[in-house]
């Protein structure tokens, strides 16, 4: 696609990657200058996203790195959509308390793409995120919006590793939950004018879709 765009004379390309190519890192939110820890490179998803970024950067594209978008319309669903639906429908009763996510309204991510196309610098990456939230707090908010009790079972990370080794849960997802997946969007805010809003309205829309309720 990059070669075809070059032949057609396309001068501006925005490539959608993932925040996962920028981290996470221990002890602080990751930025565009960071990369994923070595153990995560065993996950094929991470490796392919990094390789795609290299190609896009070499072609002079602008890279956007969304964190964890939530909102309506996640009908396929994505892993995030499955998570929201699982909590909202009462199927998730446990969580790993030592991990977390940066959650962002999907509308803000869409606007961030437009801003990157208009203002982004070629060959640069821009994290499009929202709010860093510990997983237990995120699950509690989703459950509250769905009118359900919050999940209360705290699973130590070591126990999740054992479950992954036994094939009871997804091994790659457990690897990716080793560190809190927290990120900073300061560069996008500074250079693109990106300004994400509150996350609860997006979670409310996501819960409504997942449970068949009204928005």
N, C-alpha and C. Protein backbone atom coordinates (compact mmCIF):
# COMPACT_ATOMS: atom_id res chain seq x y z
N UNK A 1 0.82 -1.20 0.00
CA UNK A 1 0.00 0.00 0.00
C UNK A 1 0.86 1.26 0.00
N UNK A 2 1.96 1.23 0.77
CA UNK A 2 2.85 2.39 0.77
C UNK A 2 3.47 2.62 -0.60
N UNK A 3 3.87 1.54 -1.27
CA UNK A 3 4.44 1.67 -2.62
C UNK A 3 3.40 2.22 -3.60
N UNK A 4 2.17 1.73 -3.50
CA UNK A 4 1.11 2.20 -4.39
C UNK A 4 0.83 3.68 -4.15
N UNK A 5 0.83 4.10 -2.88
CA UNK A 5 0.60 5.50 -2.56
C UNK A 5 1.72 6.37 -3.15
N UNK A 6 2.96 5.88 -3.05
CA UNK A 6 4.08 6.64 -3.60
C UNK A 6 3.95 6.80 -5.11
N UNK A 7 3.57 5.70 -5.79
CA UNK A 7 3.41 5.76 -7.25
C UNK A 7 2.29 6.72 -7.65
N UNK A 8 1.28 6.82 -6.81
CA UNK A 8 0.14 7.69 -7.12
C UNK A 8 0.39 9.14 -6.72
N UNK A 9 1.53 9.40 -6.11
CA UNK A 9 1.85 10.77 -5.74
C UNK A 9 1.22 11.23 -4.44
N UNK A 10 0.78 10.30 -3.61
CA UNK A 10 0.21 10.67 -2.31
C UNK A 10 1.32 11.24 -1.42
N UNK A 11 1.09 12.40 -0.87
CA UNK A 11 2.14 13.08 -0.12
C UNK A 11 1.96 13.00 1.40
N UNK A 12 0.77 12.66 1.85
CA UNK A 12 0.52 12.59 3.30
C UNK A 12 -0.11 11.25 3.63
N UNK A 13 0.52 10.49 4.50
CA UNK A 13 0.00 9.19 4.93
C UNK A 13 -0.02 9.16 6.45
N UNK A 14 -1.15 8.75 7.02
CA UNK A 14 -1.26 8.50 8.45
C UNK A 14 -1.41 7.00 8.64
N UNK A 15 -0.48 6.41 9.36
CA UNK A 15 -0.50 4.97 9.62
C UNK A 15 -0.98 4.73 11.05
N UNK A 16 -2.02 3.93 11.21
CA UNK A 16 -2.54 3.60 12.53
C UNK A 16 -1.79 2.39 13.08
N UNK A 17 -1.08 2.62 14.16
CA UNK A 17 -0.36 1.54 14.84
C UNK A 17 -1.04 1.28 16.19
N UNK A 18 -0.29 1.11 17.22
CA UNK A 18 -0.82 0.84 18.55
C UNK A 18 0.12 1.42 19.59
N UNK A 19 -0.43 1.78 20.74
CA UNK A 19 0.41 2.26 21.84
C UNK A 19 1.38 1.18 22.30
N UNK A 20 1.06 -0.07 22.01
CA UNK A 20 1.90 -1.17 22.44
C UNK A 20 3.29 -1.17 21.84
N UNK A 21 3.53 -0.41 20.78
CA UNK A 21 4.87 -0.30 20.22
C UNK A 21 5.71 0.72 20.99
N UNK A 22 5.09 1.47 21.88
CA UNK A 22 5.78 2.50 22.67
C UNK A 22 6.02 2.06 24.11
N UNK A 23 5.59 0.90 24.49
CA UNK A 23 5.73 0.46 25.88
C UNK A 23 4.84 -0.74 26.13
N UNK A 24 4.56 -0.98 27.40
CA UNK A 24 4.71 -0.09 28.57
C UNK A 24 6.12 -0.14 29.15
N UNK A 25 6.36 0.80 30.06
CA UNK A 25 7.61 0.81 30.82
C UNK A 25 7.25 0.83 32.30
N UNK A 26 8.15 0.36 33.12
CA UNK A 26 7.87 0.30 34.55
C UNK A 26 8.00 1.65 35.23
N UNK A 27 7.07 1.95 36.11
CA UNK A 27 7.19 3.10 36.98
C UNK A 27 6.71 4.43 36.46
N UNK A 28 6.30 4.51 35.18
CA UNK A 28 5.84 5.79 34.64
C UNK A 28 5.08 5.55 33.34
N UNK A 29 4.28 6.53 32.91
CA UNK A 29 3.64 6.41 31.60
C UNK A 29 4.68 6.42 30.48
N UNK A 30 4.52 5.55 29.50
CA UNK A 30 5.43 5.49 28.36
C UNK A 30 5.16 6.64 27.40
N UNK A 31 6.19 7.00 26.64
CA UNK A 31 6.07 8.03 25.61
C UNK A 31 6.50 7.46 24.27
N UNK A 32 6.45 8.30 23.25
CA UNK A 32 6.82 7.88 21.91
C UNK A 32 8.29 7.49 21.78
N UNK A 33 9.12 7.91 22.71
CA UNK A 33 10.54 7.56 22.66
C UNK A 33 10.83 6.21 23.29
N UNK A 34 9.82 5.57 23.86
CA UNK A 34 9.99 4.27 24.51
C UNK A 34 9.63 3.13 23.56
N UNK A 35 9.86 1.92 24.02
CA UNK A 35 9.48 0.72 23.27
C UNK A 35 9.01 -0.36 24.22
N UNK A 36 8.46 -1.44 23.71
CA UNK A 36 7.95 -2.50 24.57
C UNK A 36 9.08 -3.26 25.25
N UNK A 37 8.83 -3.84 26.42
CA UNK A 37 9.84 -4.66 27.08
C UNK A 37 10.14 -5.93 26.28
N UNK A 38 11.32 -6.49 26.51
CA UNK A 38 11.79 -7.61 25.69
C UNK A 38 10.84 -8.80 25.72
N UNK A 39 10.25 -9.09 26.89
CA UNK A 39 9.41 -10.28 26.97
C UNK A 39 8.14 -10.16 26.12
N UNK A 40 7.72 -8.92 25.83
CA UNK A 40 6.51 -8.76 25.01
C UNK A 40 6.78 -9.04 23.53
N UNK A 41 8.04 -9.04 23.13
CA UNK A 41 8.35 -9.31 21.72
C UNK A 41 8.10 -10.78 21.36
N UNK A 42 7.79 -11.60 22.34
CA UNK A 42 7.39 -12.97 22.06
C UNK A 42 5.94 -13.04 21.56
N UNK A 43 5.22 -11.94 21.70
CA UNK A 43 3.82 -11.87 21.25
C UNK A 43 3.80 -11.45 19.78
N UNK A 44 3.28 -12.27 18.87
CA UNK A 44 3.31 -11.93 17.44
C UNK A 44 2.68 -10.57 17.12
N UNK A 45 1.62 -10.23 17.82
CA UNK A 45 0.96 -8.94 17.58
C UNK A 45 1.95 -7.79 17.72
N UNK A 46 2.78 -7.83 18.77
CA UNK A 46 3.75 -6.77 18.99
C UNK A 46 4.77 -6.71 17.86
N UNK A 47 5.30 -7.86 17.49
CA UNK A 47 6.34 -7.89 16.46
C UNK A 47 5.82 -7.36 15.13
N UNK A 48 4.62 -7.76 14.73
CA UNK A 48 4.10 -7.32 13.44
C UNK A 48 3.80 -5.83 13.45
N UNK A 49 3.31 -5.31 14.56
CA UNK A 49 3.05 -3.87 14.64
C UNK A 49 4.34 -3.06 14.55
N UNK A 50 5.39 -3.55 15.19
CA UNK A 50 6.67 -2.86 15.12
C UNK A 50 7.23 -2.88 13.70
N UNK A 51 7.13 -4.03 13.02
CA UNK A 51 7.63 -4.13 11.65
C UNK A 51 6.85 -3.20 10.72
N UNK A 52 5.54 -3.13 10.90
CA UNK A 52 4.73 -2.24 10.06
C UNK A 52 5.13 -0.78 10.29
N UNK A 53 5.39 -0.42 11.53
CA UNK A 53 5.81 0.95 11.83
C UNK A 53 7.12 1.29 11.12
N UNK A 54 8.06 0.36 11.13
CA UNK A 54 9.35 0.62 10.47
C UNK A 54 9.15 0.95 8.99
N UNK A 55 8.29 0.19 8.33
CA UNK A 55 8.01 0.43 6.91
C UNK A 55 7.36 1.80 6.72
N UNK A 56 6.39 2.11 7.57
CA UNK A 56 5.68 3.38 7.43
C UNK A 56 6.58 4.57 7.71
N UNK A 57 7.42 4.45 8.74
CA UNK A 57 8.33 5.54 9.06
C UNK A 57 9.34 5.76 7.94
N UNK A 58 9.83 4.67 7.35
CA UNK A 58 10.77 4.78 6.24
C UNK A 58 10.14 5.48 5.05
N UNK A 59 8.82 5.34 4.91
CA UNK A 59 8.11 5.99 3.80
C UNK A 59 7.69 7.42 4.13
N UNK A 60 8.03 7.89 5.33
CA UNK A 60 7.70 9.27 5.69
C UNK A 60 6.29 9.45 6.19
N UNK A 61 5.66 8.38 6.64
CA UNK A 61 4.29 8.49 7.16
C UNK A 61 4.28 9.13 8.53
N UNK A 62 3.12 9.62 8.92
CA UNK A 62 2.86 10.05 10.29
C UNK A 62 2.22 8.86 11.00
N UNK A 63 2.75 8.49 12.16
CA UNK A 63 2.24 7.33 12.90
C UNK A 63 1.36 7.82 14.04
N UNK A 64 0.19 7.23 14.19
CA UNK A 64 -0.61 7.45 15.39
C UNK A 64 -0.69 6.14 16.15
N UNK A 65 -0.61 6.26 17.48
CA UNK A 65 -0.55 5.11 18.37
C UNK A 65 -1.69 5.18 19.39
N UNK A 66 -2.90 4.74 19.01
CA UNK A 66 -4.01 4.76 19.96
C UNK A 66 -3.74 3.83 21.14
N UNK A 67 -4.30 4.17 22.29
CA UNK A 67 -4.15 3.33 23.47
C UNK A 67 -5.29 2.29 23.49
N UNK A 68 -6.30 2.47 24.33
CA UNK A 68 -7.41 1.51 24.42
C UNK A 68 -8.72 2.24 24.14
N UNK A 69 -9.14 2.31 22.87
CA UNK A 69 -10.37 3.04 22.55
C UNK A 69 -11.62 2.30 23.03
N UNK A 70 -12.56 3.06 23.58
CA UNK A 70 -13.85 2.49 23.97
C UNK A 70 -14.96 3.40 23.46
N UNK A 71 -16.12 2.80 23.28
CA UNK A 71 -17.28 3.56 22.81
C UNK A 71 -18.25 2.64 22.10
N UNK A 72 -19.20 3.24 21.42
CA UNK A 72 -20.21 2.46 20.72
C UNK A 72 -19.66 1.88 19.42
N UNK A 73 -20.34 0.88 18.88
CA UNK A 73 -20.01 0.36 17.56
C UNK A 73 -18.95 -0.71 17.53
N UNK A 74 -18.49 -1.19 18.69
CA UNK A 74 -17.46 -2.24 18.72
C UNK A 74 -18.16 -3.59 18.58
N UNK A 75 -18.65 -3.85 17.38
CA UNK A 75 -19.53 -5.00 17.17
C UNK A 75 -18.81 -6.29 16.79
N UNK A 76 -17.54 -6.20 16.43
CA UNK A 76 -16.86 -7.41 15.96
C UNK A 76 -16.74 -8.51 17.03
N UNK A 77 -16.39 -8.32 18.28
CA UNK A 77 -15.79 -7.12 18.86
C UNK A 77 -14.27 -7.23 18.92
N UNK A 78 -13.62 -6.11 19.26
CA UNK A 78 -12.20 -6.13 19.55
C UNK A 78 -11.98 -6.76 20.92
N UNK A 79 -10.73 -7.06 21.31
CA UNK A 79 -10.50 -7.54 22.68
C UNK A 79 -11.03 -6.58 23.74
N UNK A 80 -10.93 -5.27 23.48
CA UNK A 80 -11.48 -4.30 24.42
C UNK A 80 -12.99 -4.42 24.50
N UNK A 81 -13.63 -4.58 23.35
CA UNK A 81 -15.09 -4.76 23.34
C UNK A 81 -15.51 -6.01 24.09
N UNK A 82 -14.74 -7.09 23.95
CA UNK A 82 -15.05 -8.32 24.69
C UNK A 82 -14.90 -8.10 26.19
N UNK A 83 -13.89 -7.33 26.57
CA UNK A 83 -13.68 -7.04 27.99
C UNK A 83 -14.86 -6.25 28.56
N UNK A 84 -15.26 -5.20 27.86
CA UNK A 84 -16.38 -4.38 28.34
C UNK A 84 -17.64 -5.24 28.44
N UNK A 85 -17.92 -6.02 27.42
CA UNK A 85 -19.11 -6.86 27.43
C UNK A 85 -19.04 -7.90 28.54
N UNK A 86 -17.86 -8.46 28.77
CA UNK A 86 -17.72 -9.47 29.82
C UNK A 86 -18.03 -8.93 31.18
N UNK A 87 -17.54 -7.72 31.48
CA UNK A 87 -17.83 -7.11 32.78
C UNK A 87 -19.28 -6.66 32.85
N UNK A 88 -19.77 -6.03 31.79
CA UNK A 88 -21.13 -5.49 31.78
C UNK A 88 -22.20 -6.59 31.88
N UNK A 89 -21.88 -7.76 31.37
CA UNK A 89 -22.84 -8.87 31.43
C UNK A 89 -22.62 -9.80 32.61
N UNK A 90 -21.69 -9.45 33.47
CA UNK A 90 -21.46 -10.22 34.68
C UNK A 90 -20.65 -11.48 34.50
N UNK A 91 -19.94 -11.61 33.38
CA UNK A 91 -19.16 -12.82 33.13
C UNK A 91 -17.76 -12.74 33.73
N UNK A 92 -17.23 -11.52 33.89
CA UNK A 92 -15.91 -11.34 34.47
C UNK A 92 -16.07 -11.08 35.97
N UNK A 93 -15.51 -11.94 36.78
CA UNK A 93 -15.62 -11.77 38.22
C UNK A 93 -14.28 -11.60 38.90
N UNK A 94 -13.21 -11.63 38.10
CA UNK A 94 -11.86 -11.52 38.66
C UNK A 94 -11.02 -10.60 37.79
N UNK A 95 -9.93 -10.13 38.34
CA UNK A 95 -9.02 -9.25 37.60
C UNK A 95 -7.64 -9.32 38.23
N UNK A 96 -6.64 -8.91 37.44
CA UNK A 96 -5.26 -8.80 37.93
C UNK A 96 -5.07 -7.38 38.45
N UNK A 97 -4.88 -7.20 39.75
CA UNK A 97 -4.89 -5.84 40.31
C UNK A 97 -3.65 -5.02 40.03
N UNK A 98 -2.58 -5.64 39.56
CA UNK A 98 -1.33 -4.93 39.35
C UNK A 98 -1.18 -4.35 37.95
N UNK A 99 -2.20 -4.50 37.13
CA UNK A 99 -2.12 -3.95 35.78
C UNK A 99 -3.21 -2.91 35.58
N UNK A 100 -3.09 -2.18 34.50
CA UNK A 100 -4.07 -1.15 34.17
C UNK A 100 -3.98 -0.79 32.71
N UNK A 101 -4.86 0.10 32.28
CA UNK A 101 -4.94 0.50 30.88
C UNK A 101 -5.06 2.01 30.76
N UNK A 102 -4.59 2.53 29.65
CA UNK A 102 -4.91 3.91 29.28
C UNK A 102 -6.13 3.82 28.37
N UNK A 103 -7.24 4.40 28.81
CA UNK A 103 -8.52 4.27 28.11
C UNK A 103 -8.88 5.62 27.49
N UNK A 104 -9.40 5.57 26.24
CA UNK A 104 -9.70 6.80 25.52
C UNK A 104 -11.00 6.65 24.74
N UNK A 105 -11.75 7.71 24.65
CA UNK A 105 -12.97 7.74 23.86
C UNK A 105 -12.62 7.55 22.39
N UNK A 106 -13.30 6.62 21.73
CA UNK A 106 -13.01 6.36 20.32
C UNK A 106 -13.23 7.60 19.45
N UNK A 107 -14.12 8.49 19.87
CA UNK A 107 -14.32 9.74 19.13
C UNK A 107 -13.06 10.60 19.17
N UNK A 108 -12.39 10.62 20.32
CA UNK A 108 -11.15 11.39 20.44
C UNK A 108 -10.06 10.79 19.55
N UNK A 109 -10.01 9.45 19.47
CA UNK A 109 -9.03 8.80 18.60
C UNK A 109 -9.28 9.17 17.14
N UNK A 110 -10.55 9.19 16.74
CA UNK A 110 -10.88 9.57 15.36
C UNK A 110 -10.43 10.99 15.07
N UNK A 111 -10.70 11.91 16.00
CA UNK A 111 -10.28 13.30 15.81
C UNK A 111 -8.75 13.39 15.78
N UNK A 112 -8.09 12.57 16.61
CA UNK A 112 -6.63 12.57 16.62
C UNK A 112 -6.05 12.18 15.28
N UNK A 113 -6.70 11.26 14.58
CA UNK A 113 -6.25 10.90 13.23
C UNK A 113 -6.32 12.10 12.29
N UNK A 114 -7.42 12.83 12.36
CA UNK A 114 -7.58 14.01 11.48
C UNK A 114 -6.53 15.07 11.81
N UNK A 115 -6.26 15.26 13.10
CA UNK A 115 -5.25 16.23 13.50
C UNK A 115 -3.86 15.81 13.03
N UNK A 116 -3.58 14.50 13.09
CA UNK A 116 -2.29 13.99 12.64
C UNK A 116 -2.12 14.20 11.15
N UNK A 117 -3.18 13.99 10.39
CA UNK A 117 -3.11 14.21 8.95
C UNK A 117 -2.84 15.68 8.63
N UNK A 118 -3.44 16.56 9.41
CA UNK A 118 -3.32 17.99 9.15
C UNK A 118 -2.02 18.58 9.68
N UNK A 119 -1.60 18.13 10.90
CA UNK A 119 -0.52 18.82 11.60
C UNK A 119 0.68 17.94 11.94
N UNK A 120 0.55 16.64 11.78
CA UNK A 120 1.62 15.74 12.21
C UNK A 120 2.88 15.88 11.38
N UNK A 121 4.03 15.66 12.00
CA UNK A 121 5.31 15.74 11.31
C UNK A 121 5.66 14.37 10.72
N UNK A 122 6.08 14.36 9.49
CA UNK A 122 6.44 13.11 8.82
C UNK A 122 7.54 12.40 9.60
N UNK A 123 7.39 11.08 9.72
CA UNK A 123 8.39 10.29 10.41
C UNK A 123 8.29 10.35 11.92
N UNK A 124 7.18 10.86 12.46
CA UNK A 124 7.00 10.96 13.91
C UNK A 124 5.84 10.08 14.37
N UNK A 125 5.89 9.68 15.65
CA UNK A 125 4.82 8.91 16.27
C UNK A 125 4.06 9.80 17.26
N UNK A 126 2.75 9.56 17.37
CA UNK A 126 1.92 10.33 18.28
C UNK A 126 0.98 9.40 19.04
N UNK A 127 1.15 9.32 20.35
CA UNK A 127 0.25 8.54 21.19
C UNK A 127 -1.08 9.27 21.33
N UNK A 128 -2.16 8.55 21.06
CA UNK A 128 -3.52 9.09 21.22
C UNK A 128 -4.18 8.35 22.36
N UNK A 129 -4.11 8.94 23.54
CA UNK A 129 -4.64 8.29 24.73
C UNK A 129 -5.61 9.16 25.48
N UNK A 130 -6.02 8.66 26.63
CA UNK A 130 -6.96 9.38 27.46
C UNK A 130 -6.54 9.38 28.92
N UNK A 131 -7.03 8.40 29.68
CA UNK A 131 -6.82 8.36 31.13
C UNK A 131 -6.20 7.03 31.52
N UNK A 132 -5.19 7.08 32.38
CA UNK A 132 -4.62 5.85 32.95
C UNK A 132 -5.52 5.37 34.08
N UNK A 133 -5.96 4.10 34.01
CA UNK A 133 -6.90 3.56 34.99
C UNK A 133 -6.43 2.16 35.40
N UNK A 134 -6.36 1.91 36.71
CA UNK A 134 -6.08 0.55 37.17
C UNK A 134 -7.23 -0.36 36.78
N UNK A 135 -6.92 -1.62 36.47
CA UNK A 135 -7.92 -2.53 35.93
C UNK A 135 -9.09 -2.71 36.88
N UNK A 136 -8.83 -2.82 38.17
CA UNK A 136 -9.93 -2.97 39.13
C UNK A 136 -10.88 -1.80 39.10
N UNK A 137 -10.33 -0.58 39.00
CA UNK A 137 -11.17 0.62 38.94
C UNK A 137 -11.96 0.68 37.63
N UNK A 138 -11.32 0.27 36.53
CA UNK A 138 -12.02 0.26 35.24
C UNK A 138 -13.18 -0.72 35.27
N UNK A 139 -12.93 -1.92 35.79
CA UNK A 139 -13.99 -2.92 35.88
C UNK A 139 -15.12 -2.42 36.79
N UNK A 140 -14.77 -1.74 37.87
CA UNK A 140 -15.79 -1.22 38.78
C UNK A 140 -16.68 -0.19 38.09
N UNK A 141 -16.08 0.67 37.27
CA UNK A 141 -16.86 1.68 36.55
C UNK A 141 -17.79 1.04 35.53
N UNK A 142 -17.28 0.07 34.78
CA UNK A 142 -18.11 -0.62 33.79
C UNK A 142 -19.27 -1.33 34.48
N UNK A 143 -18.99 -2.01 35.59
CA UNK A 143 -20.04 -2.73 36.32
C UNK A 143 -21.10 -1.76 36.85
N UNK A 144 -20.65 -0.63 37.38
CA UNK A 144 -21.61 0.37 37.89
C UNK A 144 -22.52 0.87 36.78
N UNK A 145 -21.94 1.17 35.63
CA UNK A 145 -22.73 1.66 34.51
C UNK A 145 -23.71 0.62 34.00
N UNK A 146 -23.37 -0.65 34.18
CA UNK A 146 -24.24 -1.74 33.75
C UNK A 146 -25.22 -2.16 34.84
N UNK A 147 -25.11 -1.57 36.03
CA UNK A 147 -25.98 -1.93 37.13
C UNK A 147 -25.67 -3.29 37.73
N UNK A 148 -24.40 -3.67 37.72
CA UNK A 148 -23.98 -4.97 38.26
C UNK A 148 -22.95 -4.78 39.37
N UNK A 149 -22.79 -5.78 40.22
CA UNK A 149 -21.73 -5.71 41.24
C UNK A 149 -20.37 -5.72 40.57
N UNK A 150 -19.43 -5.02 41.16
CA UNK A 150 -18.08 -4.99 40.60
C UNK A 150 -17.38 -6.33 40.84
N UNK A 151 -16.50 -6.75 39.95
CA UNK A 151 -15.70 -7.95 40.20
C UNK A 151 -14.83 -7.75 41.44
N UNK A 152 -14.79 -8.75 42.32
CA UNK A 152 -14.08 -8.60 43.59
C UNK A 152 -12.90 -9.54 43.74
N UNK A 153 -12.74 -10.51 42.86
CA UNK A 153 -11.68 -11.49 43.03
C UNK A 153 -10.39 -10.95 42.43
N UNK A 154 -9.39 -10.76 43.29
CA UNK A 154 -8.09 -10.25 42.86
C UNK A 154 -7.17 -11.43 42.58
N UNK A 155 -6.68 -11.52 41.36
CA UNK A 155 -5.83 -12.64 40.94
C UNK A 155 -4.38 -12.16 40.87
N UNK A 156 -3.48 -12.69 41.70
CA UNK A 156 -2.08 -12.31 41.59
C UNK A 156 -1.52 -12.63 40.20
N UNK A 157 -0.57 -11.82 39.75
CA UNK A 157 -0.02 -12.04 38.42
C UNK A 157 0.59 -13.43 38.30
N UNK A 158 1.24 -13.91 39.35
CA UNK A 158 1.84 -15.25 39.31
C UNK A 158 0.79 -16.32 39.06
N UNK A 159 -0.40 -16.14 39.64
CA UNK A 159 -1.48 -17.11 39.42
C UNK A 159 -1.97 -17.05 37.98
N UNK A 160 -2.00 -15.84 37.41
CA UNK A 160 -2.39 -15.71 36.01
C UNK A 160 -1.38 -16.41 35.10
N UNK A 161 -0.10 -16.35 35.45
CA UNK A 161 0.93 -17.03 34.67
C UNK A 161 0.73 -18.55 34.70
N UNK A 162 0.39 -19.07 35.87
CA UNK A 162 0.14 -20.51 35.98
C UNK A 162 -1.06 -20.89 35.12
N UNK A 163 -2.12 -20.09 35.17
CA UNK A 163 -3.31 -20.37 34.37
C UNK A 163 -2.99 -20.35 32.88
N UNK A 164 -2.10 -19.42 32.48
CA UNK A 164 -1.70 -19.36 31.07
C UNK A 164 -0.90 -20.59 30.68
N UNK A 165 0.00 -21.03 31.57
CA UNK A 165 0.81 -22.23 31.28
C UNK A 165 -0.06 -23.47 31.14
N UNK A 166 -1.17 -23.50 31.87
CA UNK A 166 -2.10 -24.64 31.80
C UNK A 166 -3.10 -24.52 30.66
N UNK A 167 -3.03 -23.42 29.91
CA UNK A 167 -3.95 -23.22 28.79
C UNK A 167 -5.33 -22.77 29.19
N UNK A 168 -5.48 -22.27 30.42
CA UNK A 168 -6.80 -21.86 30.90
C UNK A 168 -7.16 -20.45 30.47
N UNK A 169 -6.15 -19.63 30.21
CA UNK A 169 -6.36 -18.27 29.73
C UNK A 169 -5.37 -18.00 28.60
N UNK A 170 -5.57 -16.90 27.90
CA UNK A 170 -4.72 -16.57 26.76
C UNK A 170 -3.31 -16.21 27.23
N UNK A 171 -2.31 -16.96 26.76
CA UNK A 171 -0.93 -16.74 27.18
C UNK A 171 -0.42 -15.35 26.81
N UNK A 172 -0.73 -14.90 25.59
CA UNK A 172 -0.25 -13.59 25.15
C UNK A 172 -0.87 -12.47 25.97
N UNK A 173 -2.16 -12.58 26.28
CA UNK A 173 -2.81 -11.54 27.07
C UNK A 173 -2.19 -11.45 28.46
N UNK A 174 -1.79 -12.58 29.02
CA UNK A 174 -1.15 -12.57 30.33
C UNK A 174 0.22 -11.92 30.24
N UNK A 175 0.97 -12.21 29.19
CA UNK A 175 2.27 -11.55 29.02
C UNK A 175 2.11 -10.04 28.95
N UNK A 176 1.08 -9.58 28.26
CA UNK A 176 0.88 -8.14 28.08
C UNK A 176 0.34 -7.46 29.33
N UNK A 177 -0.07 -8.25 30.33
CA UNK A 177 -0.61 -7.67 31.57
C UNK A 177 0.42 -7.59 32.68
N UNK A 178 1.68 -7.85 32.34
CA UNK A 178 2.72 -7.86 33.38
C UNK A 178 2.97 -6.48 33.97
N UNK A 179 2.88 -5.44 33.15
CA UNK A 179 3.05 -4.07 33.61
C UNK A 179 1.77 -3.27 33.34
N UNK A 180 1.52 -2.23 34.14
CA UNK A 180 0.41 -1.33 33.80
C UNK A 180 0.66 -0.68 32.44
N UNK A 181 -0.34 -0.71 31.58
CA UNK A 181 -0.20 -0.16 30.23
C UNK A 181 -0.62 1.31 30.23
N UNK A 182 0.24 2.13 30.85
CA UNK A 182 -0.02 3.55 31.00
C UNK A 182 0.84 4.33 30.00
N UNK A 183 0.23 5.38 29.42
CA UNK A 183 0.90 6.14 28.36
C UNK A 183 0.61 7.63 28.50
N UNK A 184 1.50 8.44 27.95
CA UNK A 184 1.33 9.89 27.94
C UNK A 184 1.04 10.38 26.52
N UNK A 185 0.03 11.23 26.40
CA UNK A 185 -0.30 11.84 25.10
C UNK A 185 0.19 13.28 25.01
N UNK A 186 1.17 13.64 25.84
CA UNK A 186 1.61 15.03 25.90
C UNK A 186 2.13 15.53 24.55
N UNK A 187 2.81 14.67 23.80
CA UNK A 187 3.35 15.10 22.51
C UNK A 187 2.21 15.44 21.54
N UNK A 188 1.19 14.60 21.48
CA UNK A 188 0.05 14.87 20.59
C UNK A 188 -0.69 16.13 21.03
N UNK A 189 -0.80 16.33 22.32
CA UNK A 189 -1.46 17.53 22.82
C UNK A 189 -0.67 18.77 22.44
N UNK A 190 0.64 18.67 22.54
CA UNK A 190 1.51 19.82 22.27
C UNK A 190 1.61 20.13 20.78
N UNK A 191 1.78 19.10 19.96
CA UNK A 191 2.05 19.32 18.54
C UNK A 191 0.82 19.28 17.65
N UNK A 192 -0.19 18.52 18.05
CA UNK A 192 -1.37 18.37 17.20
C UNK A 192 -2.58 19.15 17.69
N UNK A 193 -2.55 19.59 18.95
CA UNK A 193 -3.75 20.19 19.52
C UNK A 193 -4.74 19.16 19.99
N UNK A 194 -4.27 17.93 20.18
CA UNK A 194 -5.12 16.83 20.66
C UNK A 194 -5.55 17.11 22.10
N UNK A 195 -6.83 16.90 22.40
CA UNK A 195 -7.35 17.21 23.74
C UNK A 195 -8.46 16.21 24.10
N UNK A 196 -8.08 15.05 24.66
CA UNK A 196 -9.09 14.03 24.96
C UNK A 196 -10.01 14.47 26.09
N UNK A 197 -11.27 14.04 26.00
CA UNK A 197 -12.26 14.36 27.01
C UNK A 197 -12.38 13.29 28.07
N UNK A 198 -13.39 13.38 28.94
CA UNK A 198 -13.59 12.38 29.99
C UNK A 198 -13.94 11.02 29.40
N UNK A 199 -13.65 9.97 30.14
CA UNK A 199 -13.82 8.63 29.60
C UNK A 199 -15.17 8.01 29.95
N UNK A 200 -15.82 8.46 31.03
CA UNK A 200 -17.06 7.79 31.44
C UNK A 200 -18.16 7.84 30.38
N UNK A 201 -18.37 8.96 29.66
CA UNK A 201 -19.40 8.93 28.61
C UNK A 201 -19.14 7.86 27.55
N UNK A 202 -17.87 7.65 27.19
CA UNK A 202 -17.55 6.61 26.21
C UNK A 202 -17.82 5.22 26.78
N UNK A 203 -17.48 5.03 28.05
CA UNK A 203 -17.76 3.74 28.69
C UNK A 203 -19.27 3.50 28.78
N UNK A 204 -20.02 4.56 29.03
CA UNK A 204 -21.48 4.42 29.11
C UNK A 204 -22.04 3.98 27.75
N UNK A 205 -21.53 4.57 26.67
CA UNK A 205 -22.00 4.17 25.34
C UNK A 205 -21.59 2.72 25.03
N UNK A 206 -20.38 2.36 25.43
CA UNK A 206 -19.92 0.99 25.19
C UNK A 206 -20.76 -0.02 25.95
N UNK A 207 -21.07 0.30 27.20
CA UNK A 207 -21.90 -0.59 28.02
C UNK A 207 -23.30 -0.72 27.42
N UNK A 208 -23.85 0.41 26.98
CA UNK A 208 -25.18 0.37 26.37
C UNK A 208 -25.22 -0.54 25.16
N UNK A 209 -24.19 -0.47 24.32
CA UNK A 209 -24.12 -1.36 23.16
C UNK A 209 -23.98 -2.81 23.58
N UNK A 210 -23.15 -3.05 24.59
CA UNK A 210 -22.87 -4.42 25.01
C UNK A 210 -24.06 -5.08 25.67
N UNK A 211 -24.94 -4.28 26.28
CA UNK A 211 -26.08 -4.85 27.00
C UNK A 211 -27.41 -4.62 26.32
N UNK A 212 -27.38 -3.96 25.16
CA UNK A 212 -28.63 -3.68 24.46
C UNK A 212 -29.44 -2.57 25.05
N UNK A 213 -28.80 -1.74 25.88
CA UNK A 213 -29.51 -0.61 26.49
C UNK A 213 -29.46 0.60 25.61
N UNK A 214 -30.02 1.68 26.10
CA UNK A 214 -30.05 2.93 25.35
C UNK A 214 -28.84 3.76 25.75
N UNK A 215 -28.40 4.64 24.85
CA UNK A 215 -27.29 5.54 25.13
C UNK A 215 -27.77 6.80 25.79
